[in-house]
Each structure stands twice: as structure tokens, then as C-alpha cells.
N, C-alpha and C. Protein backbone atom coordinates (compact mmCIF):
# COMPACT_ATOMS: atom_id res chain seq x y z
N MET A 1 18.86 10.08 21.95
CA MET A 1 18.26 8.88 21.32
C MET A 1 18.56 8.89 19.76
N SER A 2 19.22 7.41 19.56
CA SER A 2 19.73 7.25 18.21
C SER A 2 18.62 6.56 17.23
N LEU A 3 18.72 7.10 16.04
CA LEU A 3 17.70 6.86 15.19
C LEU A 3 17.75 5.24 14.53
N GLU A 4 16.77 4.69 14.56
CA GLU A 4 16.77 3.42 13.89
C GLU A 4 17.31 3.29 12.36
N PRO A 5 18.54 2.87 12.10
CA PRO A 5 18.95 2.65 10.74
C PRO A 5 17.89 2.11 9.50
N VAL A 6 18.00 3.09 8.44
CA VAL A 6 17.15 2.74 7.55
C VAL A 6 17.05 1.19 6.85
N SER A 7 18.40 0.82 6.69
CA SER A 7 18.47 -0.99 6.79
C SER A 7 17.50 -1.73 7.39
N GLN A 8 17.40 -1.22 8.94
CA GLN A 8 16.99 -2.03 9.77
C GLN A 8 15.37 -1.76 9.94
N MET A 9 14.79 -1.15 8.87
CA MET A 9 13.44 -0.54 9.16
C MET A 9 12.41 -1.68 8.30
N PRO A 10 11.44 -1.57 8.67
CA PRO A 10 10.48 -2.60 7.76
C PRO A 10 10.12 -1.89 6.71
N ILE A 11 10.01 -2.78 5.59
CA ILE A 11 9.49 -1.83 4.33
C ILE A 11 8.46 -2.85 3.61
N LEU A 12 7.54 -2.12 2.89
CA LEU A 12 6.50 -2.74 1.94
C LEU A 12 7.15 -3.12 0.36
N GLU A 13 6.72 -4.11 -0.13
CA GLU A 13 6.83 -4.40 -1.45
C GLU A 13 5.46 -4.46 -2.18
N LEU A 14 5.57 -3.65 -2.90
CA LEU A 14 4.17 -3.43 -3.72
C LEU A 14 4.37 -4.25 -5.38
N ILE A 15 3.38 -5.19 -5.71
CA ILE A 15 3.57 -5.65 -7.20
C ILE A 15 2.06 -5.62 -7.56
N ILE A 16 1.92 -4.95 -8.60
CA ILE A 16 0.84 -5.05 -9.42
C ILE A 16 0.68 -5.79 -10.65
N THR A 17 -0.22 -6.89 -11.03
CA THR A 17 -0.08 -7.62 -11.80
C THR A 17 -1.14 -7.70 -12.98
N SER A 18 -0.94 -8.12 -14.09
CA SER A 18 -2.21 -8.31 -14.94
C SER A 18 -2.30 -10.09 -15.29
N GLY A 19 -3.48 -10.20 -15.59
CA GLY A 19 -3.62 -11.60 -15.87
C GLY A 19 -3.46 -12.47 -14.49
N PHE A 20 -4.05 -11.93 -13.80
CA PHE A 20 -3.97 -12.65 -12.22
C PHE A 20 -5.01 -13.84 -12.23
N GLY A 21 -4.48 -14.83 -11.68
CA GLY A 21 -4.98 -15.95 -11.25
C GLY A 21 -5.05 -16.48 -10.10
N GLU A 22 -6.09 -17.02 -9.07
CA GLU A 22 -5.99 -17.43 -7.90
C GLU A 22 -5.15 -18.85 -7.69
N GLN A 23 -4.98 -19.57 -8.69
CA GLN A 23 -4.32 -20.79 -8.26
C GLN A 23 -2.66 -20.29 -8.76
N ALA A 24 -2.52 -19.59 -9.73
CA ALA A 24 -0.87 -19.38 -9.43
C ALA A 24 -0.67 -18.46 -8.15
N ALA A 25 -1.57 -17.55 -7.89
CA ALA A 25 -1.34 -17.01 -6.95
C ALA A 25 -0.91 -17.77 -5.83
N GLN A 26 -1.89 -18.88 -5.33
CA GLN A 26 -1.80 -19.63 -4.35
C GLN A 26 -0.14 -20.05 -4.16
N GLN A 27 -0.07 -20.79 -5.32
CA GLN A 27 1.18 -21.21 -5.70
C GLN A 27 2.46 -20.49 -5.15
N GLY A 28 2.27 -18.96 -5.61
CA GLY A 28 3.55 -18.00 -5.33
C GLY A 28 3.51 -17.82 -3.81
N LYS A 29 2.12 -17.89 -3.14
CA LYS A 29 2.18 -17.42 -1.71
C LYS A 29 2.70 -18.67 -0.60
N ASP A 30 2.63 -20.13 -1.27
CA ASP A 30 2.87 -20.89 -0.53
C ASP A 30 4.39 -21.00 -0.61
N GLY A 31 5.11 -20.65 -2.05
CA GLY A 31 6.41 -20.79 -1.70
C GLY A 31 7.29 -19.57 -0.95
N LEU A 32 6.44 -18.89 -0.52
CA LEU A 32 7.14 -17.74 0.60
C LEU A 32 6.96 -18.22 1.98
N SER A 33 6.42 -19.01 2.02
CA SER A 33 6.16 -19.41 3.60
C SER A 33 7.40 -19.75 4.40
N SER A 34 8.42 -20.22 3.63
CA SER A 34 9.71 -20.39 4.63
C SER A 34 10.94 -19.25 4.45
N VAL A 35 10.44 -17.88 3.62
CA VAL A 35 11.23 -16.93 3.41
C VAL A 35 11.68 -16.21 4.50
N GLU A 36 12.64 -16.04 4.97
CA GLU A 36 13.23 -15.64 6.35
C GLU A 36 13.39 -13.99 6.22
N GLY A 37 12.68 -13.42 6.99
CA GLY A 37 12.55 -12.03 7.15
C GLY A 37 11.24 -11.68 6.35
N LEU A 38 10.16 -12.55 6.10
CA LEU A 38 8.75 -11.90 5.46
C LEU A 38 8.23 -11.97 6.52
N THR A 39 7.75 -10.93 6.77
CA THR A 39 6.65 -10.93 7.98
C THR A 39 4.88 -11.05 7.73
N SER A 40 4.61 -10.44 6.40
CA SER A 40 3.30 -10.84 5.90
C SER A 40 2.90 -11.02 4.73
N VAL A 41 2.06 -11.54 3.98
CA VAL A 41 1.95 -11.50 2.82
C VAL A 41 0.46 -11.51 2.03
N TYR A 42 -0.14 -10.19 1.53
CA TYR A 42 -1.20 -9.89 1.12
C TYR A 42 -1.32 -10.03 -0.51
N VAL A 43 -2.72 -10.85 -0.77
CA VAL A 43 -2.76 -11.24 -2.34
C VAL A 43 -4.49 -10.54 -2.37
N GLY A 44 -4.44 -9.73 -3.40
CA GLY A 44 -6.05 -9.28 -3.67
C GLY A 44 -6.30 -8.97 -5.12
N LYS A 45 -7.25 -8.79 -5.24
CA LYS A 45 -7.51 -8.38 -6.90
C LYS A 45 -8.30 -7.06 -6.73
N THR A 46 -8.70 -6.47 -7.97
CA THR A 46 -9.07 -5.36 -7.75
C THR A 46 -10.71 -5.64 -7.81
N ALA A 47 -11.82 -4.56 -7.44
CA ALA A 47 -12.95 -5.02 -7.32
C ALA A 47 -13.82 -4.94 -8.73
N THR A 48 -12.89 -4.08 -9.65
CA THR A 48 -13.59 -3.86 -10.91
C THR A 48 -13.23 -4.67 -11.83
N ASP A 49 -12.02 -5.23 -11.57
CA ASP A 49 -11.22 -6.27 -12.69
C ASP A 49 -10.53 -7.54 -12.11
N SER A 50 -11.11 -8.42 -12.09
CA SER A 50 -10.50 -9.47 -11.43
C SER A 50 -9.09 -10.07 -11.79
N SER A 51 -8.79 -9.41 -13.06
CA SER A 51 -7.57 -9.69 -13.65
C SER A 51 -6.36 -9.04 -13.38
N VAL A 52 -6.61 -8.04 -12.53
CA VAL A 52 -5.71 -7.29 -11.82
C VAL A 52 -5.48 -7.51 -10.47
N GLY A 53 -3.89 -8.20 -10.09
CA GLY A 53 -3.94 -8.48 -8.89
C GLY A 53 -2.93 -7.54 -8.07
N TYR A 54 -3.00 -7.72 -6.87
CA TYR A 54 -2.20 -6.80 -5.86
C TYR A 54 -1.34 -7.44 -4.89
N TRP A 55 -0.03 -7.68 -4.82
CA TRP A 55 0.51 -8.34 -3.74
C TRP A 55 1.39 -6.94 -3.05
N LEU A 56 1.21 -7.36 -1.79
CA LEU A 56 1.70 -6.49 -0.61
C LEU A 56 2.60 -7.50 0.12
N LEU A 57 3.69 -7.25 0.05
CA LEU A 57 4.88 -8.22 1.15
C LEU A 57 5.26 -7.09 2.18
N GLN A 58 5.38 -7.56 3.36
CA GLN A 58 5.88 -6.85 4.28
C GLN A 58 7.08 -7.57 4.78
N TRP A 59 8.20 -6.64 4.78
CA TRP A 59 9.59 -7.59 4.95
C TRP A 59 10.08 -6.63 6.32
N GLN A 60 10.84 -7.35 7.19
CA GLN A 60 11.43 -6.84 8.43
C GLN A 60 12.63 -6.03 8.39
N THR A 61 13.10 -6.06 7.18
CA THR A 61 14.27 -5.04 6.70
C THR A 61 14.47 -5.16 5.44
N SER A 62 15.03 -4.16 5.02
CA SER A 62 15.45 -4.20 3.34
C SER A 62 16.35 -5.56 3.20
N ALA A 63 17.22 -5.72 4.08
CA ALA A 63 18.42 -6.55 4.01
C ALA A 63 17.60 -7.84 3.63
N ALA A 64 16.55 -8.20 4.39
CA ALA A 64 16.04 -9.40 4.37
C ALA A 64 15.59 -9.55 2.82
N ARG A 65 14.81 -8.35 2.35
CA ARG A 65 14.51 -8.45 0.80
C ARG A 65 15.38 -8.74 0.07
N ASP A 66 16.33 -7.93 0.04
CA ASP A 66 17.46 -8.04 -0.84
C ASP A 66 17.95 -9.58 -0.72
N ALA A 67 18.28 -10.21 0.44
CA ALA A 67 18.50 -11.48 0.36
C ALA A 67 17.75 -12.50 -0.35
N PHE A 68 16.44 -12.37 -0.32
CA PHE A 68 15.39 -13.09 -1.00
C PHE A 68 15.45 -13.08 -2.58
N THR A 69 15.90 -11.76 -3.03
CA THR A 69 15.86 -11.37 -4.49
C THR A 69 17.22 -11.88 -5.29
N THR A 70 18.18 -12.61 -4.24
CA THR A 70 19.37 -13.19 -4.91
C THR A 70 19.23 -14.54 -4.84
N SER A 71 17.73 -15.23 -3.97
CA SER A 71 17.61 -16.82 -3.73
C SER A 71 17.12 -17.35 -5.04
N PRO A 72 17.06 -18.71 -5.40
CA PRO A 72 16.27 -19.19 -6.39
C PRO A 72 14.85 -19.36 -5.91
N ALA A 73 14.46 -19.09 -4.73
CA ALA A 73 13.08 -19.00 -4.55
C ALA A 73 12.50 -17.53 -5.06
N TYR A 74 13.21 -16.79 -5.68
CA TYR A 74 12.77 -15.44 -5.96
C TYR A 74 12.36 -15.41 -7.52
N ALA A 75 13.34 -16.26 -8.27
CA ALA A 75 12.86 -16.72 -9.68
C ALA A 75 11.47 -17.43 -9.54
N THR A 76 11.00 -18.33 -8.84
CA THR A 76 9.98 -19.19 -8.64
C THR A 76 8.72 -18.26 -8.50
N PHE A 77 9.35 -17.54 -7.59
CA PHE A 77 7.90 -16.40 -6.91
C PHE A 77 7.55 -15.64 -8.03
N GLN A 78 8.43 -15.00 -8.95
CA GLN A 78 8.11 -13.98 -10.10
C GLN A 78 7.39 -14.97 -11.29
N GLN A 79 7.77 -16.32 -11.50
CA GLN A 79 6.77 -16.98 -12.12
C GLN A 79 5.26 -16.97 -11.99
N HIS A 80 4.75 -17.10 -10.57
CA HIS A 80 3.39 -17.19 -10.18
C HIS A 80 3.06 -15.86 -10.03
N ALA A 81 3.75 -14.74 -9.62
CA ALA A 81 3.38 -13.66 -9.14
C ALA A 81 3.55 -12.50 -10.49
N GLY A 82 4.00 -13.01 -11.55
CA GLY A 82 4.18 -12.10 -12.70
C GLY A 82 5.49 -11.26 -12.47
N ASN A 83 5.96 -10.82 -13.59
CA ASN A 83 7.25 -10.15 -13.81
C ASN A 83 6.78 -8.46 -13.78
N SER A 84 6.10 -7.91 -13.01
CA SER A 84 5.66 -6.68 -13.06
C SER A 84 6.90 -6.04 -11.97
N THR A 85 7.39 -4.95 -12.21
CA THR A 85 8.56 -4.10 -11.36
C THR A 85 7.68 -4.26 -10.04
N PRO A 86 8.51 -4.54 -8.96
CA PRO A 86 8.00 -3.93 -7.47
C PRO A 86 8.25 -2.73 -7.16
N VAL A 87 7.78 -2.18 -6.25
CA VAL A 87 8.02 -0.60 -5.83
C VAL A 87 7.95 -0.82 -4.09
N LEU A 88 9.06 -0.23 -3.85
CA LEU A 88 9.22 -0.43 -2.26
C LEU A 88 9.07 0.77 -1.23
N TYR A 89 8.44 0.63 -0.32
CA TYR A 89 7.92 1.70 0.22
C TYR A 89 8.35 1.62 1.98
N ASP A 90 8.98 2.65 2.35
CA ASP A 90 9.14 2.53 3.86
C ASP A 90 8.01 2.35 4.91
N LEU A 91 8.36 1.54 5.91
CA LEU A 91 7.22 1.56 6.75
C LEU A 91 7.70 1.68 8.48
N SER A 92 7.01 2.77 8.86
CA SER A 92 7.49 2.89 10.14
C SER A 92 7.19 2.13 11.21
N THR A 93 7.82 1.46 11.93
CA THR A 93 7.31 0.72 13.34
C THR A 93 5.96 0.83 14.23
N GLN A 94 5.75 2.44 13.80
CA GLN A 94 4.65 2.96 14.60
C GLN A 94 3.51 2.31 13.82
N ASP A 95 3.49 2.19 12.47
CA ASP A 95 2.57 1.98 11.67
C ASP A 95 2.29 0.35 11.12
N VAL A 96 2.97 -0.39 12.11
CA VAL A 96 2.69 -1.96 12.02
C VAL A 96 1.44 -2.50 12.16
N SER A 97 1.13 -1.83 13.27
CA SER A 97 -0.28 -2.57 13.92
C SER A 97 -1.18 -1.71 13.19
N ASP A 98 -1.13 -0.81 12.97
CA ASP A 98 -2.37 0.00 12.01
C ASP A 98 -2.67 -0.61 10.82
N LEU A 99 -1.65 -1.29 10.18
CA LEU A 99 -1.49 -1.72 8.74
C LEU A 99 -2.07 -3.27 8.91
N GLU A 100 -2.03 -3.73 10.05
CA GLU A 100 -2.69 -5.16 10.39
C GLU A 100 -4.37 -4.51 10.14
N HIS A 101 -4.72 -3.88 10.93
CA HIS A 101 -6.23 -3.36 10.76
C HIS A 101 -6.65 -3.11 9.20
N VAL A 102 -5.88 -2.20 8.76
CA VAL A 102 -6.25 -1.92 7.34
C VAL A 102 -6.24 -3.28 6.42
N LEU A 103 -5.49 -4.10 6.45
CA LEU A 103 -5.37 -5.43 5.79
C LEU A 103 -6.43 -6.48 6.39
N ALA A 104 -7.09 -6.11 7.08
CA ALA A 104 -8.29 -6.93 7.80
C ALA A 104 -9.31 -6.28 7.39
N ALA A 105 -9.65 -5.49 7.05
CA ALA A 105 -10.90 -4.35 6.58
C ALA A 105 -11.22 -5.56 5.62
N PRO A 106 -12.81 -5.36 5.21
CA PRO A 106 -13.17 -5.84 4.01
C PRO A 106 -12.57 -5.57 2.57
N VAL A 107 -12.54 -4.01 2.49
CA VAL A 107 -11.93 -3.78 1.50
C VAL A 107 -10.61 -2.91 1.51
N GLN A 108 -9.59 -2.95 0.96
CA GLN A 108 -8.33 -2.08 0.79
C GLN A 108 -8.34 -1.35 -0.13
N GLU A 109 -8.20 0.07 -0.05
CA GLU A 109 -7.75 1.02 -0.96
C GLU A 109 -6.32 1.31 -1.19
N PHE A 110 -5.73 1.09 -2.39
CA PHE A 110 -4.45 1.30 -2.55
C PHE A 110 -4.41 2.56 -3.52
N CYS A 111 -3.76 3.45 -2.79
CA CYS A 111 -3.50 4.60 -3.43
C CYS A 111 -2.19 5.03 -3.78
N VAL A 112 -1.51 4.88 -4.92
CA VAL A 112 -0.28 5.19 -5.23
C VAL A 112 -0.09 6.55 -5.62
N ALA A 113 0.67 7.30 -5.07
CA ALA A 113 0.63 8.87 -4.96
C ALA A 113 1.83 9.43 -5.11
N SER A 114 2.02 10.58 -5.84
CA SER A 114 3.17 11.17 -6.05
C SER A 114 2.98 12.79 -6.00
N ALA A 115 4.06 13.50 -5.81
CA ALA A 115 3.72 15.11 -6.00
C ALA A 115 4.12 15.21 -7.57
N LYS A 116 3.08 16.38 -7.92
CA LYS A 116 2.97 16.62 -9.31
C LYS A 116 4.04 17.17 -9.79
N SER A 117 5.35 17.77 -9.11
CA SER A 117 6.44 18.09 -9.43
C SER A 117 7.59 18.19 -8.37
N ALA A 118 8.69 18.83 -8.48
CA ALA A 118 9.72 18.65 -7.23
C ALA A 118 9.09 19.98 -6.57
N ASP A 119 8.54 20.87 -7.07
CA ASP A 119 8.41 22.36 -6.40
C ASP A 119 7.26 22.01 -5.36
N VAL A 120 6.41 21.00 -5.27
CA VAL A 120 5.36 21.09 -4.44
C VAL A 120 5.32 19.90 -3.60
N VAL A 121 6.45 19.56 -3.46
CA VAL A 121 6.64 18.36 -2.37
C VAL A 121 6.20 18.59 -1.04
N ASP A 122 6.19 19.84 -0.45
CA ASP A 122 5.79 20.35 0.90
C ASP A 122 4.32 20.14 0.73
N LYS A 123 3.58 20.67 -0.33
CA LYS A 123 2.38 20.80 -0.48
C LYS A 123 1.58 19.29 -0.60
N PHE A 124 2.44 18.03 -1.31
CA PHE A 124 2.27 17.14 -1.44
C PHE A 124 2.00 16.28 0.08
N LYS A 125 3.07 16.62 0.82
CA LYS A 125 3.16 16.04 2.21
C LYS A 125 1.88 16.53 2.89
N GLU A 126 1.46 17.68 2.78
CA GLU A 126 0.28 18.29 3.49
C GLU A 126 -0.78 17.70 3.09
N THR A 127 -1.04 17.24 1.60
CA THR A 127 -2.05 16.63 1.01
C THR A 127 -2.37 15.46 1.77
N ILE A 128 -1.26 14.75 1.79
CA ILE A 128 -1.19 13.18 2.63
C ILE A 128 -1.87 13.38 4.15
N LYS A 129 -1.34 14.37 4.76
CA LYS A 129 -1.92 14.75 6.08
C LYS A 129 -3.38 14.94 5.96
N LEU A 130 -3.82 15.68 5.28
CA LEU A 130 -5.35 16.04 5.17
C LEU A 130 -5.87 14.62 4.63
N ALA A 131 -5.43 13.89 3.74
CA ALA A 131 -6.14 12.56 3.67
C ALA A 131 -6.26 11.71 4.54
N LEU A 132 -5.04 11.79 5.36
CA LEU A 132 -5.11 10.68 7.04
C LEU A 132 -6.47 11.34 7.61
N GLU A 133 -6.33 12.72 7.54
CA GLU A 133 -7.40 13.13 8.61
C GLU A 133 -8.86 12.81 8.40
N ILE A 134 -9.14 12.59 6.83
CA ILE A 134 -10.53 12.24 6.31
C ILE A 134 -10.84 10.97 7.37
N THR A 135 -9.81 9.88 6.83
CA THR A 135 -10.26 8.57 7.83
C THR A 135 -10.58 8.53 9.18
N LYS A 136 -10.13 9.57 9.95
CA LYS A 136 -10.45 9.70 11.29
C LYS A 136 -11.90 10.08 11.45
N ALA A 137 -12.41 10.84 10.62
CA ALA A 137 -13.77 11.48 10.33
C ALA A 137 -14.89 10.48 9.98
N ILE A 138 -14.67 9.60 9.22
CA ILE A 138 -15.49 8.56 9.00
C ILE A 138 -15.59 7.40 9.50
N GLU A 139 -16.83 6.80 9.92
CA GLU A 139 -16.94 5.62 10.90
C GLU A 139 -16.72 4.41 9.73
N ASP A 140 -17.01 4.31 8.37
CA ASP A 140 -16.72 3.34 7.56
C ASP A 140 -15.16 2.82 7.22
N THR A 141 -14.48 3.64 7.73
CA THR A 141 -13.03 3.57 7.59
C THR A 141 -12.69 2.47 8.49
N ARG A 142 -11.45 1.66 8.35
CA ARG A 142 -11.01 0.40 9.06
C ARG A 142 -9.53 0.94 9.35
N GLY A 143 -9.19 2.45 9.25
CA GLY A 143 -7.67 2.94 9.67
C GLY A 143 -6.96 3.30 8.28
N ALA A 144 -5.93 3.81 8.36
CA ALA A 144 -5.07 4.21 7.17
C ALA A 144 -3.68 4.52 7.32
N VAL A 145 -2.80 3.92 6.62
CA VAL A 145 -1.46 3.93 6.74
C VAL A 145 -0.89 4.73 5.51
N TYR A 146 0.20 5.44 5.62
CA TYR A 146 0.78 6.05 4.47
C TYR A 146 2.72 5.64 4.60
N SER A 147 3.09 5.36 3.48
CA SER A 147 4.33 4.74 3.62
C SER A 147 5.01 5.65 2.53
N PRO A 148 6.03 6.12 2.66
CA PRO A 148 6.77 7.09 1.76
C PRO A 148 7.76 6.04 0.83
N GLY A 149 7.96 6.49 -0.36
CA GLY A 149 8.76 5.59 -1.12
C GLY A 149 10.17 5.56 -0.75
N VAL A 150 10.75 4.58 -0.89
CA VAL A 150 12.10 4.15 -0.46
C VAL A 150 12.90 5.28 -1.06
N GLY A 151 13.68 5.92 -0.17
CA GLY A 151 14.65 7.04 -0.97
C GLY A 151 14.23 8.23 -1.39
N GLY A 152 12.98 8.54 -1.04
CA GLY A 152 12.52 10.00 -1.32
C GLY A 152 11.04 10.32 -0.54
N GLU A 153 10.86 11.55 -0.69
CA GLU A 153 9.39 11.70 0.09
C GLU A 153 8.62 12.45 -1.23
N ALA A 154 8.58 12.37 -2.44
CA ALA A 154 8.10 12.75 -3.48
C ALA A 154 6.97 11.77 -3.95
N LYS A 155 7.04 10.48 -3.33
CA LYS A 155 5.97 9.28 -3.79
C LYS A 155 5.80 8.72 -2.90
N GLY A 156 4.44 7.91 -2.49
CA GLY A 156 4.27 7.12 -1.53
C GLY A 156 2.89 6.20 -1.80
N LEU A 157 2.69 5.28 -0.86
CA LEU A 157 1.49 4.63 -0.68
C LEU A 157 0.66 4.63 0.29
N LEU A 158 -0.81 5.29 0.06
CA LEU A 158 -1.64 5.33 0.98
C LEU A 158 -2.69 4.01 1.05
N LEU A 159 -2.68 3.56 2.23
CA LEU A 159 -3.55 2.43 2.15
C LEU A 159 -4.69 2.56 3.60
N VAL A 160 -6.00 2.41 2.66
CA VAL A 160 -7.19 2.81 3.58
C VAL A 160 -8.05 1.38 3.68
N GLY A 161 -8.16 1.09 4.77
CA GLY A 161 -9.28 0.02 5.11
C GLY A 161 -10.62 0.83 5.06
N TRP A 162 -11.66 -0.08 4.16
CA TRP A 162 -13.07 0.38 3.85
C TRP A 162 -14.08 -0.70 4.43
N ALA A 163 -15.37 -0.27 5.03
CA ALA A 163 -16.30 -1.37 5.47
C ALA A 163 -16.71 -2.02 3.91
N SER A 164 -17.02 -1.49 3.09
CA SER A 164 -17.25 -1.80 1.84
C SER A 164 -16.91 -0.62 0.40
N VAL A 165 -16.97 -1.46 -0.56
CA VAL A 165 -16.70 -0.84 -1.86
C VAL A 165 -17.87 0.65 -1.92
N GLU A 166 -18.70 0.58 -1.35
CA GLU A 166 -20.00 1.62 -1.58
C GLU A 166 -19.44 2.71 -0.50
N ALA A 167 -19.08 2.10 0.50
CA ALA A 167 -18.35 3.16 1.52
C ALA A 167 -17.54 4.28 0.99
N HIS A 168 -16.79 3.81 0.34
CA HIS A 168 -15.47 4.40 -0.22
C HIS A 168 -15.99 5.38 -1.02
N ALA A 169 -17.05 4.62 -1.91
CA ALA A 169 -17.64 5.53 -3.32
C ALA A 169 -18.57 6.94 -2.63
N SER A 170 -19.01 6.44 -1.57
CA SER A 170 -19.78 7.93 -1.10
C SER A 170 -18.59 8.94 -0.33
N LEU A 171 -17.56 8.69 -0.52
CA LEU A 171 -16.63 9.66 0.51
C LEU A 171 -16.96 11.09 -0.17
N TYR A 172 -16.72 11.37 -1.25
CA TYR A 172 -16.77 12.75 -1.71
C TYR A 172 -18.16 13.38 -1.32
N SER A 173 -19.29 12.67 -0.92
CA SER A 173 -20.36 13.18 -0.66
C SER A 173 -20.73 13.36 0.86
N ARG A 174 -19.88 13.11 1.43
CA ARG A 174 -20.24 12.91 2.79
C ARG A 174 -19.79 14.22 3.64
N PRO A 175 -20.73 14.93 4.24
CA PRO A 175 -20.72 16.31 4.93
C PRO A 175 -19.10 16.30 5.79
N GLU A 176 -18.82 15.31 6.70
CA GLU A 176 -17.89 15.22 7.38
C GLU A 176 -16.38 15.40 6.62
N ALA A 177 -16.46 15.12 5.39
CA ALA A 177 -15.25 15.05 4.48
C ALA A 177 -15.11 16.49 3.30
N GLN A 178 -16.31 16.99 3.74
CA GLN A 178 -15.94 17.96 2.60
C GLN A 178 -14.81 19.30 2.61
N GLU A 179 -14.95 19.59 4.02
CA GLU A 179 -13.94 20.65 3.89
C GLU A 179 -12.40 20.12 3.72
N THR A 180 -12.02 19.05 4.33
CA THR A 180 -10.93 18.30 4.01
C THR A 180 -10.75 18.09 2.58
N ILE A 181 -11.57 17.82 1.80
CA ILE A 181 -11.67 17.56 0.42
C ILE A 181 -11.21 18.95 -0.28
N LYS A 182 -11.97 19.75 0.12
CA LYS A 182 -11.56 21.34 -0.66
C LYS A 182 -10.24 21.46 -0.40
N LYS A 183 -9.55 21.46 0.76
CA LYS A 183 -8.26 21.74 1.01
C LYS A 183 -7.39 21.04 -0.14
N ILE A 184 -7.62 19.63 0.06
CA ILE A 184 -6.85 19.05 -0.87
C ILE A 184 -7.04 19.49 -2.22
N ILE A 185 -8.11 19.53 -3.13
CA ILE A 185 -8.14 19.92 -4.08
C ILE A 185 -7.57 21.43 -4.19
N ALA A 186 -7.47 22.61 -3.29
CA ALA A 186 -6.85 23.72 -3.57
C ALA A 186 -5.48 23.57 -3.34
N LEU A 187 -4.83 22.61 -2.88
CA LEU A 187 -3.38 22.29 -2.76
C LEU A 187 -2.87 22.13 -4.31
N ASP A 188 -3.47 21.11 -4.96
CA ASP A 188 -3.16 20.79 -6.27
C ASP A 188 -1.79 20.37 -6.56
N ALA A 189 -1.48 19.41 -5.43
CA ALA A 189 0.20 18.86 -5.55
C ALA A 189 0.13 17.30 -5.87
N MET A 190 -1.11 16.52 -5.88
CA MET A 190 -0.99 15.26 -5.93
C MET A 190 -1.35 14.58 -6.90
N ALA A 191 -0.59 13.51 -7.63
CA ALA A 191 -0.96 12.66 -8.75
C ALA A 191 -1.11 11.31 -8.20
N ALA A 192 -2.35 10.72 -8.27
CA ALA A 192 -2.45 9.53 -7.61
C ALA A 192 -3.57 8.42 -8.40
N GLU A 193 -3.21 7.43 -8.23
CA GLU A 193 -4.23 6.21 -8.83
C GLU A 193 -4.97 5.26 -7.68
N ALA A 194 -6.19 5.48 -7.49
CA ALA A 194 -6.64 4.57 -6.31
C ALA A 194 -7.51 3.58 -6.73
N LYS A 195 -7.23 2.39 -6.15
CA LYS A 195 -8.05 0.84 -6.43
C LYS A 195 -8.42 0.58 -5.35
N ASP A 196 -9.82 0.02 -5.21
CA ASP A 196 -10.40 -0.59 -4.34
C ASP A 196 -10.11 -2.20 -4.56
N VAL A 197 -9.38 -2.85 -3.54
CA VAL A 197 -8.69 -4.25 -3.57
C VAL A 197 -9.56 -5.14 -2.70
N LEU A 198 -9.93 -6.46 -3.31
CA LEU A 198 -10.59 -7.31 -2.42
C LEU A 198 -9.25 -8.61 -2.01
N ARG A 199 -9.51 -8.70 -0.80
CA ARG A 199 -8.17 -9.64 -0.51
C ARG A 199 -8.85 -10.98 -0.93
N VAL A 200 -7.70 -11.88 -1.49
CA VAL A 200 -8.32 -13.10 -1.72
C VAL A 200 -7.33 -14.25 -1.24
N LEU A 201 -6.46 -13.98 -0.58
CA LEU A 201 -5.18 -14.79 -0.24
C LEU A 201 -4.64 -14.10 1.12
């Protein structure tokens, strides 16, 4: 069985911006409506600070995304979305449907994660597996997807759909998650920043 070429796999593009405004975001999203190879566009703002915006663009292939960045439409998009540096993540074809469930949830947790050092990459990957296990044990989650960074396994994006901000906040006090959380702490391999995001567009 031949493996699908990396250049033909779906990718996710994450852009985190400050000074977020819904009007500018709407204009930016409207400008993407005819971009070839762009599967979906998610726009949200953090639950604790509405001035911080999150863009998540799903591309059919990296080639489609590369073509967009060399087009006049890209400069226009940057004006509306901000000039923050995007980060790219691989998305397996098996995770595409799961991603739809996550993005349809009331709240999305964006967890940008990386291994604490090159020596603990294997432990980092084990940590991600454990984090995904937690989502299977809790009723208030609406699915989870992990996408490794393009070009390496030492970083990635963990996306979790939650029923509410309060449901996510109660994670560490839930008995069904306690043992898995202890294992993650013991591995001590991951540096991460997680934010609850509310979809606006």
C-alpha cells in the first residue's frame, strides 16, 4: 500500500491575532470565499479576552496553501486578519470528520503544545495520547483532534470541543480524569498554552 504524499495531505493553518474585530474578520473571511483548495475557515475569539482572535484555515493540500500565499488575495487577507505569523500543522484524512465535530462544539480548546526538549519527544507523544484519552472519558467533550507540526513531531496542536467553558474548567477535579492527569504530570514532557475560544464566524 502506497502512502499518501505529504504535499497531498490536508493541513491546518493557525493564526492568532491581537486587536481582533468582528467587522474586519468578516471582511477577511468573505475574501476567502473563492480561494481554491480552502476547505473551511474558523474564526473565534478567546473566552477571556475578546481582543485576541483565532483563525483556523483547513487546506486540501500544502500546495493549495502555497498558491494562495503568492496571490494578490493573500495581502488583502493579511490586512483583515492581522500580520501574525501563521503556524502549519498536518491533518490526517482520518481526523477530518472529527475536526468538524470539534469546531461545531460550543467551545473550542486550542492547545499549542511542544516537547520541553529534544530528549523527551517520545514522552511528549505519549503525553498527547493520554490527553486524547481524557476526552473519551468525559461526557462534556465533543471530540478531539491532534495535529503534529509540519516538518516535525516535537510540536503540535491539540483541539478539543467542550460543552462549555465551565466544563473545561472542571477537568482537573473530575474523578474519571484523575489517573490520566497524574500520568501526564509524571511524564513532565510537554510545554503548552491552552485557550478556550468561542466561534464568531
